[in-house]
Protein backbone atom coordinates (compact mmCIF):
# COMPACT_ATOMS: atom_id res chain seq x y z
CA UNK A 1 40.40 117.95 -173.07
CA UNK A 2 39.83 114.50 -171.51
CA UNK A 3 36.44 113.05 -170.88
CA UNK A 4 35.41 111.36 -174.13
CA UNK A 5 33.38 108.21 -173.54
CA UNK A 6 34.67 104.72 -174.16
CA UNK A 7 32.93 103.48 -177.31
CA UNK A 8 31.18 100.10 -177.13
CA UNK A 9 29.56 98.01 -179.85
CA UNK A 10 29.20 94.54 -181.30
CA UNK A 11 30.13 94.99 -184.96
CA UNK A 12 33.52 96.66 -185.25
CA UNK A 13 35.93 99.07 -183.58
CA UNK A 14 38.50 101.31 -185.29
CA UNK A 15 40.86 103.83 -183.72
CA UNK A 16 43.51 105.85 -185.53
CA UNK A 17 45.43 109.10 -185.36
CA UNK A 18 43.19 110.80 -187.94
CA UNK A 19 39.40 110.82 -188.11
CA UNK A 20 39.36 110.36 -191.89
CA UNK A 21 41.42 107.18 -191.63
CA UNK A 22 39.21 105.89 -188.84
CA UNK A 23 36.10 106.52 -190.95
CA UNK A 24 37.67 104.78 -193.95
CA UNK A 25 38.50 101.77 -191.80
CA UNK A 26 34.95 101.53 -190.48
CA UNK A 27 33.59 101.87 -194.03
CA UNK A 28 35.68 98.83 -195.01
CA UNK A 29 34.06 96.87 -192.17
CA UNK A 30 30.60 98.08 -193.19
CA UNK A 31 31.20 96.77 -196.71
CA UNK A 32 31.84 93.30 -195.32
CA UNK A 33 35.59 93.45 -194.81
CA UNK A 34 37.42 92.16 -191.77
CA UNK A 35 39.78 93.87 -189.33
CA UNK A 36 42.74 93.44 -191.66
CA UNK A 37 40.93 95.02 -194.61
CA UNK A 38 40.00 97.93 -192.35
CA UNK A 39 43.53 98.37 -191.00
CA UNK A 40 45.05 98.43 -194.50
CA UNK A 41 42.44 100.88 -195.78
CA UNK A 42 42.94 103.19 -192.81
CA UNK A 43 46.72 102.85 -193.05
CA UNK A 44 46.78 104.00 -196.66
CA UNK A 45 44.57 106.98 -195.82
CA UNK A 46 46.96 107.96 -193.02
CA UNK A 47 49.76 108.11 -195.58
CA UNK A 48 47.82 110.74 -197.52
CA UNK A 49 46.15 112.87 -194.83
CA UNK A 50 49.05 112.97 -192.34
CA UNK A 51 51.97 113.82 -194.67
CA UNK A 52 53.90 115.41 -191.81
CA UNK A 53 54.00 112.07 -189.97
CA UNK A 54 54.19 109.29 -192.56
CA UNK A 55 54.06 108.50 -196.25
CA UNK A 56 54.32 105.88 -198.97
CA UNK A 57 58.12 106.06 -198.84
CA UNK A 58 58.17 105.13 -195.15
CA UNK A 59 57.81 101.98 -193.10
CA UNK A 60 55.30 100.11 -190.94
CA UNK A 61 55.21 97.51 -188.20
CA UNK A 62 52.02 95.46 -187.81
CA UNK A 63 50.88 92.90 -185.22
CA UNK A 64 47.77 90.85 -185.98
CA UNK A 65 45.65 88.15 -184.41
CA UNK A 66 43.51 86.02 -186.71
CA UNK A 67 40.69 84.40 -184.76
CA UNK A 68 40.65 81.43 -187.08
CA UNK A 69 43.01 79.57 -186.87
CA UNK A 70 43.98 81.52 -183.73
CA UNK A 71 47.33 82.72 -185.06
CA UNK A 72 49.16 85.85 -183.93
CA UNK A 73 51.81 87.20 -186.30
CA UNK A 74 53.93 90.22 -187.17
CA UNK A 75 54.21 91.82 -190.60
CA UNK A 76 57.58 93.53 -191.01
CA UNK A 77 57.28 96.55 -193.27
CA UNK A 78 60.72 97.80 -192.26
CA UNK A 79 62.91 97.88 -195.34
CA UNK A 80 66.67 97.25 -195.11
CA UNK A 81 69.60 99.50 -195.83
CA UNK A 82 70.97 99.62 -199.38
CA UNK A 83 73.65 97.11 -200.37
CA UNK A 84 76.12 99.90 -201.08
CA UNK A 85 75.70 101.61 -197.68
CA UNK A 86 78.74 100.84 -195.52
CA UNK A 87 80.47 102.47 -192.59
CA UNK A 88 83.46 103.10 -194.85
CA UNK A 89 81.25 104.91 -197.36
CA UNK A 90 79.89 107.23 -194.66
CA UNK A 91 83.37 107.75 -193.23
CA UNK A 92 84.46 108.81 -196.70
CA UNK A 93 81.85 111.56 -196.50
CA UNK A 94 83.33 112.73 -193.20
CA UNK A 95 80.26 111.74 -191.14
CA UNK A 96 80.04 110.32 -187.60
CA UNK A 97 76.27 109.77 -187.81
CA UNK A 98 73.86 109.02 -190.62
CA UNK A 99 72.01 112.30 -191.35
CA UNK A 100 68.36 112.46 -190.37
CA UNK A 101 67.24 114.24 -193.55
CA UNK A 102 68.02 114.00 -197.23
CA UNK A 103 68.78 110.81 -199.14
CA UNK A 104 71.70 109.17 -197.31
CA UNK A 105 69.45 107.56 -194.69
CA UNK A 106 66.95 106.14 -197.19
CA UNK A 107 66.08 102.45 -196.77
CA UNK A 108 63.89 100.33 -198.98
CA UNK A 109 60.41 101.84 -198.37
CA UNK A 110 58.57 99.00 -196.66
CA UNK A 111 55.17 100.45 -195.76
CA UNK A 112 53.45 99.80 -199.10
CA UNK A 113 54.58 96.18 -199.25
CA UNK A 114 53.87 95.60 -195.56
CA UNK A 115 50.26 96.79 -195.76
CA UNK A 116 49.61 94.78 -198.91
CA UNK A 117 51.19 91.64 -197.46
CA UNK A 118 48.71 91.92 -194.58
CA UNK A 119 45.90 92.37 -197.10
CA UNK A 120 46.94 89.43 -199.28
CA UNK A 121 47.40 86.90 -196.49
CA UNK A 122 44.66 87.93 -194.05
CA UNK A 123 42.25 90.30 -195.79
CA UNK A 124 39.36 89.70 -198.14
CA UNK A 125 39.16 92.79 -200.38
CA UNK A 126 41.19 93.85 -203.40
CA UNK A 127 44.09 96.30 -203.44
CA UNK A 128 41.88 98.56 -205.55
CA UNK A 129 39.23 98.68 -202.81
CA UNK A 130 41.81 99.15 -200.04
CA UNK A 131 43.49 102.06 -201.87
CA UNK A 132 40.31 103.73 -203.16
CA UNK A 133 39.81 106.10 -200.18
CA UNK A 134 43.49 107.13 -200.19
CA UNK A 135 43.34 107.82 -203.92
CA UNK A 136 40.19 109.83 -203.40
CA UNK A 137 41.75 112.08 -200.77
CA UNK A 138 44.92 112.56 -202.82
CA UNK A 139 42.88 113.37 -205.91
CA UNK A 140 40.02 115.52 -204.60
CA UNK A 141 41.67 116.84 -201.46
CA UNK A 142 41.49 116.76 -197.69
CA UNK A 143 41.57 119.53 -195.04
CA UNK A 144 45.19 120.26 -194.19
CA UNK A 145 45.84 119.41 -190.51
CA UNK A 146 47.32 122.13 -188.32
CA UNK A 147 50.47 120.09 -187.67
CA UNK A 148 51.03 119.60 -191.40
CA UNK A 149 50.57 123.31 -191.98
CA UNK A 150 53.11 124.21 -189.30
CA UNK A 151 55.65 121.85 -190.82
CA UNK A 152 55.13 123.15 -194.35
CA UNK A 153 55.25 126.79 -193.22
CA UNK A 154 58.57 126.23 -191.42
CA UNK A 155 60.10 124.63 -194.54
CA UNK A 156 58.86 126.95 -197.31
CA UNK A 157 62.37 128.25 -198.25
CA UNK A 158 63.74 124.68 -198.36
CA UNK A 159 60.91 123.48 -200.59
CA UNK A 160 61.02 126.54 -202.84
CA UNK A 161 64.79 126.72 -203.31
CA UNK A 162 66.23 123.25 -202.76
CA UNK A 163 63.54 120.55 -202.86
CA UNK A 164 61.37 121.54 -205.84
CA UNK A 165 59.41 118.28 -205.86
CA UNK A 166 58.25 119.03 -202.34
CA UNK A 167 57.41 122.57 -203.37
CA UNK A 168 55.10 121.26 -206.11
CA UNK A 169 53.45 118.84 -203.72
CA UNK A 170 52.99 121.02 -200.64
CA UNK A 171 53.12 124.72 -201.56
CA UNK A 172 50.32 126.78 -203.08
CA UNK A 173 51.76 129.42 -205.41
CA UNK A 174 55.05 129.28 -203.52
CA UNK A 175 53.53 129.72 -200.06
CA UNK A 176 52.29 127.44 -197.31
CA UNK A 177 48.55 126.75 -197.51
CA UNK A 178 46.45 127.64 -194.50
CA UNK A 179 45.13 125.32 -191.83
CA UNK A 180 42.11 123.49 -193.20
CA UNK A 181 42.93 124.35 -196.81
CA UNK A 182 41.96 121.73 -199.37
CA UNK A 183 45.18 119.81 -199.96
CA UNK A 184 45.59 117.71 -203.10
CA UNK A 185 48.45 115.59 -204.35
CA UNK A 186 47.67 114.74 -207.99
CA UNK A 187 51.08 113.12 -208.60
CA UNK A 188 50.54 110.73 -205.69
CA UNK A 189 46.97 110.01 -206.83
CA UNK A 190 48.24 109.13 -210.32
CA UNK A 191 50.92 106.85 -208.86
CA UNK A 192 48.44 104.99 -206.68
CA UNK A 193 45.90 104.71 -209.51
CA UNK A 194 48.54 103.23 -211.83
CA UNK A 195 49.62 100.75 -209.14
CA UNK A 196 46.02 99.63 -208.77
CA UNK A 197 45.52 99.38 -212.53
CA UNK A 198 48.63 97.25 -213.05
CA UNK A 199 47.53 94.93 -210.28
CA UNK A 200 43.97 94.62 -211.58
CA UNK A 201 45.18 93.78 -215.09
CA UNK A 202 47.20 90.82 -213.81
CA UNK A 203 45.62 87.43 -214.41
CA UNK A 204 44.68 85.31 -211.47
CA UNK A 205 43.00 85.46 -208.10
CA UNK A 206 42.85 88.32 -205.59
CA UNK A 207 46.18 87.40 -204.01
CA UNK A 208 47.89 87.29 -207.42
CA UNK A 209 46.59 90.76 -208.25
CA UNK A 210 47.82 92.11 -204.92
CA UNK A 211 51.24 90.59 -205.56
CA UNK A 212 51.25 92.25 -208.99
CA UNK A 213 50.52 95.58 -207.29
CA UNK A 214 53.48 95.01 -204.94
CA UNK A 215 55.67 94.15 -207.93
CA UNK A 216 54.65 97.34 -209.73
CA UNK A 217 56.03 99.27 -206.75
CA UNK A 218 59.23 97.36 -206.01
CA UNK A 219 60.09 95.92 -209.43
CA UNK A 220 58.06 98.08 -211.80
CA UNK A 221 57.49 101.71 -212.68
CA UNK A 222 57.83 103.07 -209.11
CA UNK A 223 61.22 101.41 -208.63
CA UNK A 224 62.31 102.65 -212.06
CA UNK A 225 61.33 106.23 -211.24
CA UNK A 226 63.15 106.04 -207.90
CA UNK A 227 66.25 104.53 -209.48
CA UNK A 228 66.37 107.20 -212.18
CA UNK A 229 65.94 110.09 -209.72
CA UNK A 230 68.29 108.75 -207.05
CA UNK A 231 70.99 107.86 -209.55
CA UNK A 232 71.27 111.35 -210.96
CA UNK A 233 70.24 113.69 -208.12
CA UNK A 234 72.19 115.05 -205.18
CA UNK A 235 70.06 116.93 -202.65
CA UNK A 236 70.72 119.26 -199.76
CA UNK A 237 70.47 117.59 -196.38
CA UNK A 238 71.13 118.39 -192.72
CA UNK A 239 74.90 118.38 -193.30
CA UNK A 240 74.52 121.58 -195.35
CA UNK A 241 75.86 119.70 -198.37
CA UNK A 242 74.33 117.83 -201.29
CA UNK A 243 74.49 114.05 -201.36
CA UNK A 244 73.17 111.25 -203.55
CA UNK A 245 71.40 108.24 -202.10
CA UNK A 246 72.94 104.82 -201.68
CA UNK A 247 69.50 103.34 -202.40
CA UNK A 248 68.84 102.05 -205.90
CA UNK A 249 66.40 99.97 -207.90
CA UNK A 250 68.29 96.74 -207.19
CA UNK A 251 67.66 97.19 -203.46
CA UNK A 252 63.92 97.44 -204.04
CA UNK A 253 63.97 94.47 -206.39
CA UNK A 254 65.53 92.19 -203.75
CA UNK A 255 63.11 93.04 -200.96
CA UNK A 256 59.89 91.28 -199.96
CA UNK A 257 57.83 92.02 -196.83
CA UNK A 258 57.99 89.20 -194.30
CA UNK A 259 55.50 87.65 -191.88
CA UNK A 260 57.12 86.52 -188.64
CA UNK A 261 56.23 85.05 -185.28
CA UNK A 262 55.90 87.70 -182.57
CA UNK A 263 57.98 87.94 -179.44
CA UNK A 264 55.62 87.09 -176.57
CA UNK A 265 55.42 87.25 -172.79
CA UNK A 266 52.94 85.83 -170.32
CA UNK A 267 51.78 88.57 -167.94
CA UNK A 268 49.24 87.41 -165.37
CA UNK A 269 46.36 85.96 -167.44
CA UNK A 270 47.50 87.79 -170.59
CA UNK A 271 49.87 86.93 -173.41
CA UNK A 272 51.40 90.07 -174.87
CA UNK A 273 52.77 90.02 -178.44
CA UNK A 274 55.30 92.44 -179.96
CA UNK A 275 57.58 92.72 -183.01
CA UNK A 276 61.08 91.29 -182.61
CA UNK A 277 64.40 92.97 -181.78
CA UNK A 278 64.64 94.62 -185.20
CA UNK A 279 62.19 96.95 -183.44
CA UNK A 280 62.17 98.35 -179.92
CA UNK A 281 59.02 96.30 -179.21
CA UNK A 282 60.61 93.90 -176.69
CA UNK A 283 61.21 96.90 -174.41
CA UNK A 284 57.50 96.65 -173.56
CA UNK A 285 57.91 92.99 -172.58
CA UNK A 286 61.03 93.63 -170.51
CA UNK A 287 59.22 96.34 -168.56
CA UNK A 288 56.26 94.04 -167.88
CA UNK A 289 58.55 91.26 -166.70
CA UNK A 290 60.33 93.65 -164.34
CA UNK A 291 57.06 95.02 -162.95
CA UNK A 292 55.06 91.81 -162.57
CA UNK A 293 56.14 91.01 -159.00
CA UNK A 294 55.99 94.61 -157.72
CA UNK A 295 52.24 94.73 -156.87
CA UNK A 296 51.48 97.83 -158.90
CA UNK A 297 47.78 97.61 -158.07
CA UNK A 298 48.60 98.41 -154.46
CA UNK A 299 50.18 101.71 -155.48
CA UNK A 300 48.40 104.97 -156.20
CA UNK A 301 48.87 105.47 -159.99
CA UNK A 302 49.29 109.21 -159.40
CA UNK A 303 51.91 108.82 -156.69
CA UNK A 304 55.61 109.51 -156.90
CA UNK A 305 56.28 105.90 -155.92
CA UNK A 306 54.35 104.56 -158.92
CA UNK A 307 55.87 107.04 -161.36
CA UNK A 308 59.36 106.27 -160.03
CA UNK A 309 58.83 102.52 -160.39
CA UNK A 310 57.70 102.77 -164.02
CA UNK A 311 60.53 105.15 -164.93
CA UNK A 312 63.19 102.91 -163.38
CA UNK A 313 61.88 99.83 -165.18
CA UNK A 314 61.89 101.78 -168.45
CA UNK A 315 65.51 102.88 -167.90
CA UNK A 316 66.62 99.29 -167.37
CA UNK A 317 64.78 98.05 -170.44
CA UNK A 318 66.02 100.91 -172.61
CA UNK A 319 69.59 100.25 -171.49
CA UNK A 320 69.23 96.74 -172.89
CA UNK A 321 67.62 98.05 -176.07
CA UNK A 322 70.59 100.32 -176.65
CA UNK A 323 73.09 97.53 -175.97
CA UNK A 324 71.55 94.37 -177.37
CA UNK A 325 68.79 94.96 -179.94
CA UNK A 326 69.44 94.62 -183.65
CA UNK A 327 68.29 92.82 -186.78
CA UNK A 328 68.32 89.10 -185.86
CA UNK A 329 69.14 88.24 -189.47
CA UNK A 330 72.58 89.77 -188.82
CA UNK A 331 73.28 89.54 -185.06
CA UNK A 332 72.45 87.02 -182.32
CA UNK A 333 68.99 87.33 -180.82
CA UNK A 334 69.50 87.93 -177.08
CA UNK A 335 65.85 88.19 -176.03
CA UNK A 336 65.78 84.71 -174.50
CA UNK A 337 68.56 85.72 -172.12
CA UNK A 338 67.12 89.18 -171.45
CA UNK A 339 63.69 87.75 -170.55
CA UNK A 340 65.02 84.79 -168.59
CA UNK A 341 63.35 84.84 -165.13
CA UNK A 342 66.68 84.72 -163.29
CA UNK A 343 68.01 87.64 -165.34
CA UNK A 344 64.78 89.59 -164.78
CA UNK A 345 65.05 88.99 -161.04
CA UNK A 346 68.60 90.36 -161.02
CA UNK A 347 67.50 93.45 -162.94
CA UNK A 348 64.39 93.94 -160.79
CA UNK A 349 66.58 94.08 -157.71
CA UNK A 350 68.09 97.27 -159.12
CA UNK A 351 64.75 99.09 -158.73
CA UNK A 352 65.08 100.64 -155.32
CA UNK A 353 63.77 103.68 -153.53
CA UNK A 354 65.99 106.11 -155.43
CA UNK A 355 66.79 106.74 -159.08
CA UNK A 356 69.72 104.77 -160.48
CA UNK A 357 71.95 107.50 -161.94
CA UNK A 358 73.58 105.36 -164.63
CA UNK A 359 71.77 102.05 -165.26
CA UNK A 360 74.06 99.66 -167.09
CA UNK A 361 72.88 97.19 -169.73
CA UNK A 362 72.61 93.51 -168.89
CA UNK A 363 75.60 91.23 -168.97
CA UNK A 364 74.90 88.15 -171.10
CA UNK A 365 77.14 85.10 -171.07
CA UNK A 366 79.83 87.07 -169.32
CA UNK A 367 79.75 89.77 -172.00
CA UNK A 368 78.79 93.30 -170.96
CA UNK A 369 76.48 95.21 -173.25
CA UNK A 370 77.65 98.63 -174.38
CA UNK A 371 76.14 101.78 -175.78
CA UNK A 372 78.10 103.60 -178.51
CA UNK A 373 79.39 107.06 -177.69
CA UNK A 374 79.57 108.79 -181.06
CA UNK A 375 80.09 112.56 -181.33
CA UNK A 376 77.44 114.49 -183.22
CA UNK A 377 78.49 115.99 -186.52
CA UNK A 378 79.07 119.71 -186.48
CA UNK A 379 75.97 121.49 -187.78
CA UNK A 380 76.41 123.64 -190.88
CA UNK A 381 76.80 127.39 -190.53
CA UNK A 382 73.42 128.13 -192.13
CA UNK A 383 71.45 130.66 -190.08
CA UNK A 384 68.11 129.76 -191.67
CA UNK A 385 65.45 128.38 -189.36
CA UNK A 386 64.61 125.61 -191.82
CA UNK A 387 68.16 124.28 -191.66
CA UNK A 388 67.85 124.15 -187.89
CA UNK A 389 64.70 122.07 -188.32
CA UNK A 390 66.59 119.55 -190.45
CA UNK A 391 69.13 118.94 -187.70
CA UNK A 392 66.54 116.78 -185.90
CA UNK A 393 65.81 113.49 -187.62
CA UNK A 394 62.36 113.39 -186.03
CA UNK A 395 59.35 114.73 -187.95
CA UNK A 396 58.81 117.32 -185.23
CA UNK A 397 58.91 121.01 -186.05
CA UNK A 398 59.97 123.14 -183.09
CA UNK A 399 58.85 126.75 -183.37
CA UNK A 400 59.78 129.70 -181.21
CA UNK A 401 56.74 129.08 -179.05
CA UNK A 402 57.89 125.44 -178.65
CA UNK A 403 54.95 124.12 -180.64
CA UNK A 404 55.75 120.67 -181.97
CA UNK A 405 54.12 118.96 -184.94
CA UNK A 406 54.40 115.53 -186.47
CA UNK A 407 55.33 112.23 -184.87
CA UNK A 408 54.26 108.96 -186.51
CA UNK A 409 50.74 107.49 -186.83
CA UNK A 410 48.79 104.53 -185.49
CA UNK A 411 45.73 102.43 -186.26
CA UNK A 412 44.04 99.61 -184.33
CA UNK A 413 41.02 97.54 -185.39
CA UNK A 414 38.84 94.81 -183.88
CA UNK A 415 35.99 93.06 -185.68
CA UNK A 416 33.05 90.90 -184.67
CA UNK A 417 34.89 87.74 -185.73
CA UNK A 418 37.56 88.19 -183.06
CA UNK A 419 40.28 89.49 -185.38
CA UNK A 420 42.66 92.17 -184.10
CA UNK A 421 45.16 94.36 -185.94
CA UNK A 422 47.50 97.10 -184.75
CA UNK A 423 49.81 99.01 -187.05
CA UNK A 424 52.25 101.87 -186.55
CA UNK A 425 53.26 103.51 -189.86
CA UNK A 426 55.88 106.23 -190.02
CA UNK A 427 58.75 107.59 -192.08
CA UNK A 428 58.56 109.18 -195.49
CA UNK A 429 57.22 112.35 -193.90
CA UNK A 430 57.41 115.68 -195.71
CA UNK A 431 60.41 116.83 -193.66
CA UNK A 432 62.51 113.72 -194.36
CA UNK A 433 63.60 114.15 -197.97
CA UNK A 434 62.41 115.62 -201.29
CA UNK A 435 59.29 114.41 -203.02
CA UNK A 436 60.36 112.23 -205.95
CA UNK A 437 59.21 113.79 -209.24
CA UNK A 438 56.40 111.86 -210.89
CA UNK A 439 55.62 109.80 -207.77
CA UNK A 440 54.35 112.40 -205.31
CA UNK A 441 56.00 111.13 -202.13
CA UNK A 442 59.40 111.40 -200.35
CA UNK A 443 61.53 108.56 -199.02
CA UNK A 444 62.11 107.82 -195.35
CA UNK A 445 65.21 108.28 -193.23
CA UNK A 446 65.06 105.28 -190.90
CA UNK A 447 68.70 104.47 -191.63
CA UNK A 448 69.67 107.24 -189.21
CA UNK A 449 68.86 104.89 -186.32
CA UNK A 450 71.92 102.74 -187.12
CA UNK A 451 75.33 103.39 -185.58
CA UNK A 452 78.43 104.02 -187.67
CA UNK A 453 80.62 101.87 -185.43
CA UNK A 454 81.85 98.29 -185.69
CA UNK A 455 80.68 95.40 -183.55
CA UNK A 456 77.45 96.76 -182.08
CA UNK A 457 74.14 94.89 -182.67
CA UNK A 458 72.66 98.00 -184.28
CA UNK A 459 75.70 98.91 -186.38
CA UNK A 460 75.25 99.66 -190.06
CA UNK A 461 75.64 96.70 -192.40
CA UNK A 462 74.53 96.52 -196.04
CA UNK A 463 71.07 94.96 -196.34
CA UNK A 464 70.39 95.19 -192.59
CA UNK A 465 67.17 96.47 -191.06
CA UNK A 466 67.66 99.53 -188.84
CA UNK A 467 66.25 99.07 -185.36
CA UNK A 468 62.92 100.83 -185.68
CA UNK A 469 60.92 102.55 -182.95
CA UNK A 470 57.60 101.40 -184.47
CA UNK A 471 55.97 99.17 -181.88
CA UNK A 472 52.31 98.02 -182.04
CA UNK A 473 50.94 95.58 -179.45
CA UNK A 474 48.36 92.81 -179.22
CA UNK A 475 47.36 91.16 -175.96
CA UNK A 476 45.28 87.98 -175.61
CA UNK A 477 43.46 86.95 -172.44
CA UNK A 478 43.52 83.21 -171.89
CA UNK A 479 44.18 82.85 -175.62
CA UNK A 480 41.21 85.00 -176.65
CA UNK A 481 41.35 88.47 -178.26
CA UNK A 482 41.67 91.24 -175.69
CA UNK A 483 43.57 94.42 -176.74
CA UNK A 484 45.25 95.94 -179.79
CA UNK A 485 46.98 99.32 -179.57
CA UNK A 486 49.79 101.62 -180.63
CA UNK A 487 50.84 105.26 -180.49
CA UNK A 488 53.09 107.81 -182.13
CA UNK A 489 56.06 108.84 -180.03
CA UNK A 490 59.36 107.60 -181.41
CA UNK A 491 61.47 106.12 -178.62
CA UNK A 492 58.71 106.85 -176.09
CA UNK A 493 56.09 104.57 -177.68
CA UNK A 494 56.69 101.62 -175.38
CA UNK A 495 56.60 103.78 -172.25
CA UNK A 496 53.45 105.68 -173.17
CA UNK A 497 51.55 102.57 -174.31
CA UNK A 498 52.69 100.76 -171.15
CA UNK A 499 51.11 103.51 -169.04
CA UNK A 500 47.78 103.08 -170.85
CA UNK A 501 48.02 99.28 -170.74
CA UNK A 502 48.63 99.28 -166.98
CA UNK A 503 45.74 101.72 -166.48
CA UNK A 504 43.48 99.02 -167.96
CA UNK A 505 45.04 95.87 -166.53
CA UNK A 506 46.09 97.06 -163.07
CA UNK A 507 43.60 99.81 -162.26
CA UNK A 508 40.46 98.87 -164.20
CA UNK A 509 40.30 101.92 -166.46
CA UNK A 510 38.15 101.80 -169.58
CA UNK A 511 39.98 102.14 -172.89
CA UNK A 512 39.25 105.82 -173.38
CA UNK A 513 40.26 106.76 -169.85
CA UNK A 514 43.44 104.74 -170.32
CA UNK A 515 44.44 106.91 -173.29
CA UNK A 516 43.89 110.03 -171.14
CA UNK A 517 46.08 108.98 -168.23
CA UNK A 518 48.93 111.32 -167.26
CA UNK A 519 51.92 110.64 -169.52
CA UNK A 520 55.56 110.67 -168.51
CA UNK A 521 58.88 109.31 -169.76
CA UNK A 522 62.62 109.34 -169.18
CA UNK A 523 65.03 111.16 -171.47
CA UNK A 524 67.97 109.27 -169.95
CA UNK A 525 69.16 107.35 -173.04
CA UNK A 526 70.02 108.58 -176.53
CA UNK A 527 67.02 108.69 -178.85
CA UNK A 528 67.12 106.72 -182.08
CA UNK A 529 67.15 109.86 -184.21
CA UNK A 530 69.95 112.28 -184.96
CA UNK A 531 71.54 114.13 -183.31
CA UNK A 532 70.79 111.62 -180.49
CA UNK A 533 70.89 114.12 -177.66
CA UNK A 534 69.89 112.74 -174.28
CA UNK A 535 69.35 114.19 -170.81
CA UNK A 536 70.50 111.70 -168.17
CA UNK A 537 68.28 111.61 -165.11
CA UNK A 538 65.50 113.73 -166.63
CA UNK A 539 61.87 112.68 -166.26
CA UNK A 540 59.36 114.61 -168.36
CA UNK A 541 55.92 114.67 -166.74
CA UNK A 542 52.60 116.21 -167.73
CA UNK A 543 51.57 118.69 -165.07
CA UNK A 544 48.23 117.19 -164.20
CA UNK A 545 49.44 115.15 -161.28
CA UNK A 546 49.65 116.36 -157.71
CA UNK A 547 52.59 118.47 -156.44
CA UNK A 548 53.27 115.76 -153.87
CA UNK A 549 54.15 113.32 -156.64
CA UNK A 550 56.56 115.81 -158.21
CA UNK A 551 58.23 116.47 -154.86
CA UNK A 552 58.50 112.74 -154.22
CA UNK A 553 60.18 112.13 -157.59
CA UNK A 554 62.69 114.89 -156.96
CA UNK A 555 63.43 113.52 -153.51
CA UNK A 556 64.18 110.17 -155.13
CA UNK A 557 66.81 111.79 -157.34
CA UNK A 558 64.91 112.47 -160.57
CA UNK A 559 65.34 115.73 -162.46
CA UNK A 560 61.67 116.46 -163.19
CA UNK A 561 60.62 118.63 -166.11
CA UNK A 562 56.94 119.57 -166.06
CA UNK A 563 55.07 120.21 -169.31
CA UNK A 564 51.50 121.34 -169.89
CA UNK A 565 48.73 118.80 -169.26
CA UNK A 566 47.90 116.67 -172.31
CA UNK A 567 50.74 118.22 -174.31
CA UNK A 568 52.90 115.21 -175.08
CA UNK A 569 52.90 113.39 -178.40
CA UNK A 570 51.08 110.34 -177.08
CA UNK A 571 47.97 109.54 -179.12
CA UNK A 572 47.29 106.00 -177.94
CA UNK A 573 44.81 104.27 -180.26
CA UNK A 574 43.29 101.28 -178.49
CA UNK A 575 40.60 98.72 -179.28
CA UNK A 576 39.62 95.57 -177.46
CA UNK A 577 37.14 92.84 -176.65
CA UNK A 578 35.48 92.82 -173.23
CA UNK A 579 34.53 89.77 -171.18
CA UNK A 580 30.95 90.45 -172.23
CA UNK A 581 31.94 90.04 -175.89
CA UNK A 582 31.38 93.71 -176.76
CA UNK A 583 34.02 95.53 -178.75
CA UNK A 584 35.50 98.66 -177.26
CA UNK A 585 37.56 101.59 -178.53
CA UNK A 586 39.35 104.69 -177.30
CA UNK A 587 41.55 107.35 -178.89
CA UNK A 588 43.98 109.66 -177.10
CA UNK A 589 42.86 113.31 -176.92
CA UNK A 590 46.31 114.88 -177.36
CA UNK A 591 46.52 116.84 -180.57
CA UNK A 592 42.73 116.73 -181.02
CA UNK A 593 43.07 114.55 -184.11
CA UNK A 594 42.91 110.87 -183.11
CA UNK A 595 39.40 109.43 -183.23
CA UNK A 596 37.70 106.11 -182.62
CA UNK A 597 34.51 104.63 -184.06
CA UNK A 598 32.63 101.65 -182.67
CA UNK A 599 29.26 100.17 -183.51
């Protein structure tokens, strides 16, 4: 499976988790657009052609670098929780956790506004041009990916009997279409076309028309359709019961996508930029800070020592994520303390020769961080396989043969002007909740990542952003554009991308080889998605490393689980600018769907 070449060119580079999105992004560059136009165009196509992994009711996190004036920024397309969603309201429903499917976990869908905010402030083309390829695929069809087909096939009874909007959108004559079948979504195409039309009829410049398109979604006909449906409809979810959403039109009306400064860290001659602690992005920075003085380049990247070192740094960073990260609009931002050199030195000293069995979060200002211990809700007594699928809040579908499908998307773009963009869209996938009649897309379930406890940084509060796993990255070298990348993977994104990043920066790998490096991660801490099951001490490792490394890890105290080579969900999409000025691109081979283009 590995062995694709690194792509090199001087005009533009696009990498995404679907070849059709990558092609659409390159077409935007060919028409004279910049990296931000290309990223938005590709991002919208992803929301059509990967319905098992993301959608227009989901969310997105974007990091960008604009060569002129040399600004790096973050676009937050993570919508907040509804104003009526409280811990007391969930307790009244008898729930310990926010369900991972249905309508209770629905936030304001931020992806549409996030992409268009990027387009308005940094792009050059119209919303009509950016959405044209997505409308085309929704209207005339696209070949159904194998992962989408597996997800639909597993959920046929749910769609046919309980979620009729999803049945109309994804079933053909009541059955799952085949792999490669022409898949259309005429309701979604009509929604997108009307959004474009309302924006184009607004008076004013390009930016005004884009803002009118955003308004049509959040304060116009889309919000009205959502409000009407959500206000009168209770749907079956993973609890085995029917519930109405807390989300309403007023929540959409209040929300606007924001542009923020990134969280940044100097690492050797690089400056690495991530989204803030409303995401898990700073985990990447904490790991780099812990690893910087450990002379990784002197280690064999396939050795047990190297694997152990990365895993232990990830466990320490994830412990802090679980204890301290949350929406900084609601809770104190602790990143300054967590990244303080003295604090990093104390944490680094915990990385020894053997696995730490129970790494504790950092203590800040004399206060110990804590991780909630919340019991999972009892699953319903349904014996249907589709109900079992709903118990996991992830988009993955686990079949009897342990085949998994669905797990977020990614796009990264570099252009000849020195602009970089990396976006990770997710949520609103076909497994999350029913397709809304007349709109053609479901809502997301990101609210499930919040805790139903009091006093924790990631506890539920009305209007608060859930801590998202979506975590794109941009790195500059001596202030100049260097790398932009992201991957699917839920909680594992910042471990898998770190492994590819270190392959480039520490071991001189080209971008394509870096995406093909052996992937591994720890399952020590609870995932962000219900039912939050973890496996303390477990390291999951692709079985294309030597047996000596596996034996070494086990001798150090790790419980190693081997999986097939190139079988994990990592699909790192990476672009960059070399010292010679050429643009470069790579796309991870796992899943045989991510592709890069460079010319």
